[in-house]
């Protein structure tokens, strides 16, 4: 059997000694604050700290800065890709230049002239062939030249129509999508760059700074721990024998270690699952060692100055 449950039982017995057997015994626990762990969103070197442990910080206040050089290079590359995609879209939207269209028109005129000459030459060779003055091979060459010239006219005409009809809608859609993707990547990198300046998500007190200047925290490692909220709360451990006596909203008197004046508080939550002992130990002697965690915010302005971790006890308020 683990030693920890016996130590908890001895501690509880020590607190309970001296109380009237008819009164419900006090509940034991510790003083806690709500905590926020701020992670490193990039594995970069810490350049400087703007705060120290114990400092009060406002929401949005700069806490530390990570080395931005790697992300700055990626942002510059993404900006260039956006400019390239935007220029490509403009190029497709404007269509072909007038000089290119003029050259295509000239090519078409030349192809038509060549086709006319080839057709006339075929007619002459065909007439000579009918009079048995040329061989059939000469006629075949003339026919092939005529057909090739006609195909060249069709090709030049198609190229000119492609230039004058403008860019296809599908190509414009593709270029627009490529520009949108480049912009999205740039925005993501710029957002990541902003997060290299680690700021407080809400007002609180700096509890822990696990790393130093020059350290390179792993990705998503917690670099700042903040204590937040207007006041701490008592984390109580309610024995199974007293669980039915406690309900959300019940008033308690909280006595914190080394603080003479007790604090008032009301239960805000009670865990449904027990702690410290296996969930299946629900019968027999082990059932008496089950405890349920409850939270009770402390009332009064003086509670906001208390540190986390102090032991405390809570007593039921007599009606």
Protein backbone atom coordinates (compact mmCIF):
# COMPACT_ATOMS: atom_id res chain seq x y z
CA UNK A 1 0.00 0.00 0.00
CA UNK A 2 1.48 3.45 -0.92
CA UNK A 3 2.76 5.63 1.92
CA UNK A 4 1.10 8.83 0.64
CA UNK A 5 -2.46 7.89 1.72
CA UNK A 6 -1.19 7.15 5.27
CA UNK A 7 0.59 10.53 5.43
CA UNK A 8 -2.55 12.29 4.27
CA UNK A 9 -4.56 10.45 6.91
CA UNK A 10 -2.08 11.37 9.67
CA UNK A 11 -2.12 15.01 8.57
CA UNK A 12 -5.88 15.03 8.63
CA UNK A 13 -6.00 13.46 12.08
CA UNK A 14 -3.58 16.06 13.39
CA UNK A 15 -5.82 18.88 12.21
CA UNK A 16 -8.93 17.23 13.51
CA UNK A 17 -7.65 16.72 17.05
CA UNK A 18 -9.26 19.03 19.55
CA UNK A 19 -12.58 19.45 17.73
CA UNK A 20 -15.93 18.53 19.12
CA UNK A 21 -17.05 15.12 17.86
CA UNK A 22 -20.50 16.53 17.15
CA UNK A 23 -19.15 19.22 14.79
CA UNK A 24 -18.06 18.34 11.25
CA UNK A 25 -14.27 18.28 11.12
CA UNK A 26 -12.46 20.96 9.05
CA UNK A 27 -11.46 20.32 5.47
CA UNK A 28 -7.78 20.51 4.55
CA UNK A 29 -6.19 21.90 1.41
CA UNK A 30 -3.86 24.45 -0.13
CA UNK A 31 -4.10 27.98 -1.46
CA UNK A 32 -4.00 28.19 -5.27
CA UNK A 33 -4.29 30.71 -8.08
CA UNK A 34 -5.57 30.19 -11.60
CA UNK A 35 -2.53 29.71 -13.81
CA UNK A 36 -1.85 30.40 -17.46
CA UNK A 37 1.09 28.74 -19.16
CA UNK A 38 2.35 30.70 -22.19
CA UNK A 39 4.14 28.44 -24.73
CA UNK A 40 6.92 29.21 -27.18
CA UNK A 41 5.35 29.10 -30.65
CA UNK A 42 8.77 28.73 -32.28
CA UNK A 43 12.02 27.14 -31.13
CA UNK A 44 14.14 30.30 -31.21
CA UNK A 45 16.72 31.84 -28.89
CA UNK A 46 15.46 34.13 -26.11
CA UNK A 47 16.86 37.62 -26.79
CA UNK A 48 15.69 39.42 -23.64
CA UNK A 49 13.23 39.43 -20.76
CA UNK A 50 11.00 42.44 -20.15
CA UNK A 51 9.71 41.25 -16.76
CA UNK A 52 10.90 39.39 -13.67
CA UNK A 53 9.25 36.81 -11.44
CA UNK A 54 6.70 38.44 -9.16
CA UNK A 55 5.98 41.39 -11.46
CA UNK A 56 2.41 42.46 -12.06
CA UNK A 57 1.66 42.65 -15.79
CA UNK A 58 -1.20 44.05 -17.83
CA UNK A 59 -3.00 42.31 -20.66
CA UNK A 60 -0.96 42.62 -23.84
CA UNK A 61 2.24 43.62 -22.07
CA UNK A 62 5.49 42.40 -23.66
CA UNK A 63 7.10 39.65 -21.58
CA UNK A 64 10.01 38.40 -23.71
CA UNK A 65 11.35 38.40 -27.25
CA UNK A 66 12.55 35.46 -29.34
CA UNK A 67 15.10 35.74 -32.16
CA UNK A 68 13.13 36.76 -35.31
CA UNK A 69 15.83 36.42 -38.01
CA UNK A 70 14.72 33.03 -39.33
CA UNK A 71 11.08 34.07 -39.63
CA UNK A 72 12.00 37.46 -41.08
CA UNK A 73 13.72 35.66 -43.97
CA UNK A 74 10.65 33.47 -44.52
CA UNK A 75 8.38 36.53 -44.46
CA UNK A 76 10.57 38.24 -47.08
CA UNK A 77 10.42 35.16 -49.31
CA UNK A 78 6.64 34.92 -48.94
CA UNK A 79 6.29 38.63 -49.81
CA UNK A 80 8.25 38.06 -53.02
CA UNK A 81 6.02 35.10 -53.90
CA UNK A 82 2.93 37.28 -53.41
CA UNK A 83 4.38 39.93 -55.73
CA UNK A 84 5.16 37.28 -58.34
CA UNK A 85 1.66 35.77 -58.19
CA UNK A 86 0.07 39.22 -58.39
CA UNK A 87 2.14 40.16 -61.45
CA UNK A 88 1.18 36.89 -63.14
CA UNK A 89 -2.53 37.58 -62.55
CA UNK A 90 -2.18 41.11 -63.97
CA UNK A 91 -0.36 39.73 -67.00
CA UNK A 92 -3.12 37.23 -67.72
CA UNK A 93 -5.83 39.82 -67.12
CA UNK A 94 -4.28 42.31 -69.57
CA UNK A 95 -3.86 39.73 -72.33
CA UNK A 96 -1.25 39.81 -75.09
CA UNK A 97 0.68 42.97 -75.98
CA UNK A 98 -0.21 44.80 -79.22
CA UNK A 99 3.24 44.07 -80.64
CA UNK A 100 2.68 40.33 -80.21
CA UNK A 101 -0.72 40.57 -81.91
CA UNK A 102 0.78 42.55 -84.82
CA UNK A 103 3.47 39.88 -85.27
CA UNK A 104 0.82 37.14 -85.28
CA UNK A 105 -1.20 39.03 -87.89
CA UNK A 106 1.89 39.38 -90.08
CA UNK A 107 2.58 35.66 -89.74
CA UNK A 108 -0.97 34.91 -90.86
CA UNK A 109 -0.65 37.17 -93.93
CA UNK A 110 2.61 35.48 -94.90
CA UNK A 111 1.12 32.00 -94.41
CA UNK A 112 -1.85 32.90 -96.62
CA UNK A 113 0.48 34.21 -99.33
CA UNK A 114 2.52 31.02 -99.18
CA UNK A 115 -0.69 28.97 -99.35
CA UNK A 116 -1.89 30.89 -102.43
CA UNK A 117 1.43 30.38 -104.19
CA UNK A 118 1.46 26.67 -103.31
CA UNK A 119 -2.11 26.23 -104.58
CA UNK A 120 -1.30 27.95 -107.89
CA UNK A 121 1.85 25.88 -108.29
CA UNK A 122 -0.16 22.69 -107.72
CA UNK A 123 -2.62 23.70 -110.43
CA UNK A 124 0.24 24.22 -112.91
CA UNK A 125 1.89 20.91 -112.07
CA UNK A 126 -1.46 19.14 -112.30
CA UNK A 127 -2.04 20.56 -115.78
CA UNK A 128 1.41 19.47 -116.90
CA UNK A 129 0.81 16.02 -115.44
CA UNK A 130 -2.44 15.70 -117.38
CA UNK A 131 -0.44 16.34 -120.59
CA UNK A 132 2.15 13.75 -119.53
CA UNK A 133 4.85 16.41 -119.28
CA UNK A 134 5.87 15.80 -115.61
CA UNK A 135 6.19 12.73 -113.50
CA UNK A 136 3.71 11.81 -110.79
CA UNK A 137 6.37 12.43 -108.15
CA UNK A 138 6.42 16.11 -109.11
CA UNK A 139 2.64 16.25 -108.73
CA UNK A 140 2.84 14.63 -105.28
CA UNK A 141 5.41 17.18 -104.12
CA UNK A 142 3.21 20.04 -105.30
CA UNK A 143 0.17 18.56 -103.55
CA UNK A 144 2.12 18.14 -100.29
CA UNK A 145 3.40 21.70 -100.48
CA UNK A 146 -0.15 22.97 -101.04
CA UNK A 147 -1.51 21.00 -98.06
CA UNK A 148 1.38 22.09 -95.80
CA UNK A 149 0.79 25.74 -96.66
CA UNK A 150 -2.93 25.38 -95.91
CA UNK A 151 -2.11 23.84 -92.50
CA UNK A 152 0.29 26.73 -91.78
CA UNK A 153 -2.54 29.18 -92.47
CA UNK A 154 -4.82 27.35 -90.02
CA UNK A 155 -2.10 27.37 -87.36
CA UNK A 156 -1.32 31.09 -87.77
CA UNK A 157 -5.02 31.93 -87.70
CA UNK A 158 -5.53 29.91 -84.47
CA UNK A 159 -2.56 31.65 -82.81
CA UNK A 160 -3.94 35.05 -83.72
CA UNK A 161 -7.40 34.17 -82.39
CA UNK A 162 -5.83 32.89 -79.14
CA UNK A 163 -4.11 36.24 -78.66
CA UNK A 164 -7.11 38.39 -79.57
CA UNK A 165 -9.68 36.36 -77.61
CA UNK A 166 -7.78 36.95 -74.34
CA UNK A 167 -6.93 34.64 -71.43
CA UNK A 168 -9.21 31.72 -70.65
CA UNK A 169 -11.34 32.08 -67.47
CA UNK A 170 -9.81 28.88 -66.09
CA UNK A 171 -6.32 30.37 -66.31
CA UNK A 172 -7.47 33.54 -64.56
CA UNK A 173 -9.08 31.44 -61.81
CA UNK A 174 -5.87 29.47 -61.33
CA UNK A 175 -3.77 32.63 -61.13
CA UNK A 176 -6.23 34.16 -58.66
CA UNK A 177 -6.12 31.04 -56.47
CA UNK A 178 -2.31 31.05 -56.56
CA UNK A 179 -2.29 34.69 -55.40
CA UNK A 180 -4.74 33.90 -52.59
CA UNK A 181 -2.58 30.98 -51.43
CA UNK A 182 0.53 33.16 -51.45
CA UNK A 183 -1.26 35.85 -49.43
CA UNK A 184 -2.48 33.29 -46.90
CA UNK A 185 1.03 31.93 -46.40
CA UNK A 186 2.36 35.46 -45.94
CA UNK A 187 -0.33 36.26 -43.34
CA UNK A 188 0.45 33.06 -41.45
CA UNK A 189 4.17 33.85 -41.34
CA UNK A 190 3.49 37.43 -40.27
CA UNK A 191 1.27 36.15 -37.46
CA UNK A 192 3.99 33.70 -36.39
CA UNK A 193 6.44 36.58 -36.46
CA UNK A 194 4.23 38.62 -34.13
CA UNK A 195 4.11 35.72 -31.67
CA UNK A 196 7.90 35.86 -31.28
CA UNK A 197 7.13 38.87 -29.09
CA UNK A 198 5.50 36.94 -26.22
CA UNK A 199 2.80 39.03 -24.54
CA UNK A 200 0.53 38.49 -21.56
CA UNK A 201 -2.90 37.21 -22.68
CA UNK A 202 -4.48 38.78 -19.59
CA UNK A 203 -3.50 40.73 -16.49
CA UNK A 204 -1.76 38.78 -13.75
CA UNK A 205 1.45 38.18 -11.82
CA UNK A 206 4.52 36.45 -13.24
CA UNK A 207 4.97 33.25 -11.28
CA UNK A 208 7.80 31.46 -13.09
CA UNK A 209 10.28 32.08 -15.91
CA UNK A 210 11.83 28.66 -16.58
CA UNK A 211 14.35 29.83 -19.22
CA UNK A 212 17.11 32.44 -19.37
CA UNK A 213 18.39 34.81 -22.03
CA UNK A 214 20.29 32.76 -24.60
CA UNK A 215 18.27 29.58 -24.04
CA UNK A 216 16.42 28.06 -26.98
CA UNK A 217 13.17 26.57 -25.62
CA UNK A 218 11.68 23.62 -27.50
CA UNK A 219 8.60 24.24 -29.58
CA UNK A 220 5.49 24.68 -27.37
CA UNK A 221 7.59 24.67 -24.18
CA UNK A 222 6.10 26.84 -21.42
CA UNK A 223 8.23 29.99 -21.19
CA UNK A 224 6.06 32.02 -18.79
CA UNK A 225 3.68 31.00 -16.01
CA UNK A 226 1.15 33.65 -14.94
CA UNK A 227 -1.06 33.74 -11.88
CA UNK A 228 -4.34 35.33 -12.93
CA UNK A 229 -7.65 36.21 -11.37
CA UNK A 230 -8.77 38.71 -8.78
CA UNK A 231 -8.20 36.42 -5.79
CA UNK A 232 -6.84 32.97 -4.95
CA UNK A 233 -8.98 29.99 -4.10
CA UNK A 234 -8.80 27.20 -1.56
CA UNK A 235 -8.29 23.77 -3.08
CA UNK A 236 -9.92 21.48 -0.54
CA UNK A 237 -9.78 17.71 -0.23
CA UNK A 238 -13.14 16.47 0.95
CA UNK A 239 -13.17 12.98 2.56
CA UNK A 240 -15.84 10.61 1.34
CA UNK A 241 -17.44 10.68 4.79
CA UNK A 242 -18.12 14.44 4.42
CA UNK A 243 -18.89 14.59 0.70
CA UNK A 244 -22.66 14.56 1.24
CA UNK A 245 -22.43 17.49 3.67
CA UNK A 246 -20.87 19.81 1.06
CA UNK A 247 -22.68 21.39 -1.89
CA UNK A 248 -21.90 24.11 -4.37
CA UNK A 249 -22.70 27.50 -2.83
CA UNK A 250 -22.07 26.42 0.78
CA UNK A 251 -20.34 29.07 2.92
CA UNK A 252 -17.03 28.18 4.59
CA UNK A 253 -14.52 29.86 6.85
CA UNK A 254 -11.01 29.52 5.43
CA UNK A 255 -8.01 29.72 7.77
CA UNK A 256 -4.70 30.09 5.93
CA UNK A 257 -1.41 29.08 7.55
CA UNK A 258 0.21 32.03 9.43
CA UNK A 259 -2.83 34.28 8.77
CA UNK A 260 -4.79 34.98 11.94
CA UNK A 261 -7.97 36.31 10.40
CA UNK A 262 -10.01 33.71 8.51
CA UNK A 263 -11.49 34.40 5.07
CA UNK A 264 -15.03 33.85 3.89
CA UNK A 265 -15.73 31.79 0.81
CA UNK A 266 -18.38 29.83 -1.05
CA UNK A 267 -17.88 26.50 -2.80
CA UNK A 268 -17.77 26.99 -6.58
CA UNK A 269 -16.99 23.44 -7.71
CA UNK A 270 -16.69 19.87 -6.42
CA UNK A 271 -15.07 17.12 -8.44
CA UNK A 272 -17.18 14.10 -9.29
CA UNK A 273 -14.21 11.72 -9.35
CA UNK A 274 -12.15 10.92 -6.24
CA UNK A 275 -8.43 11.59 -5.93
CA UNK A 276 -5.46 9.94 -4.29
CA UNK A 277 -6.96 6.46 -4.30
CA UNK A 278 -7.96 4.15 -7.18
CA UNK A 279 -11.40 4.76 -8.61
CA UNK A 280 -12.41 1.15 -7.95
CA UNK A 281 -11.77 1.37 -4.15
CA UNK A 282 -15.39 2.15 -3.37
CA UNK A 283 -16.13 -0.38 -0.63
CA UNK A 284 -14.53 -1.64 2.54
CA UNK A 285 -11.86 0.22 4.49
CA UNK A 286 -10.41 1.94 1.40
CA UNK A 287 -13.65 3.85 0.88
CA UNK A 288 -12.85 6.01 3.93
CA UNK A 289 -9.67 7.26 2.19
CA UNK A 290 -11.44 8.61 -0.86
CA UNK A 291 -11.24 12.41 -1.21
CA UNK A 292 -12.95 14.78 -3.63
CA UNK A 293 -11.37 18.03 -4.72
CA UNK A 294 -13.38 21.22 -4.15
CA UNK A 295 -12.58 24.85 -4.94
CA UNK A 296 -13.57 27.83 -2.80
CA UNK A 297 -12.60 31.41 -3.88
CA UNK A 298 -11.46 33.59 -1.00
CA UNK A 299 -13.35 36.83 -0.41
CA UNK A 300 -11.78 40.11 0.71
CA UNK A 301 -9.17 42.40 -0.85
CA UNK A 302 -6.37 41.14 1.42
CA UNK A 303 -6.60 37.68 -0.16
CA UNK A 304 -5.18 39.04 -3.43
CA UNK A 305 -1.75 39.46 -1.79
CA UNK A 306 -1.42 35.84 -0.65
CA UNK A 307 1.05 33.53 -2.40
CA UNK A 308 0.12 30.15 -3.83
CA UNK A 309 0.90 26.90 -2.03
CA UNK A 310 0.08 27.84 1.58
CA UNK A 311 -1.69 25.11 3.61
CA UNK A 312 -5.16 25.92 4.93
CA UNK A 313 -8.25 24.45 6.52
CA UNK A 314 -11.92 25.20 5.99
CA UNK A 315 -14.71 24.99 8.55
CA UNK A 316 -18.43 24.78 7.94
CA UNK A 317 -20.31 27.93 8.86
CA UNK A 318 -22.91 27.14 11.49
CA UNK A 319 -26.42 28.33 10.59
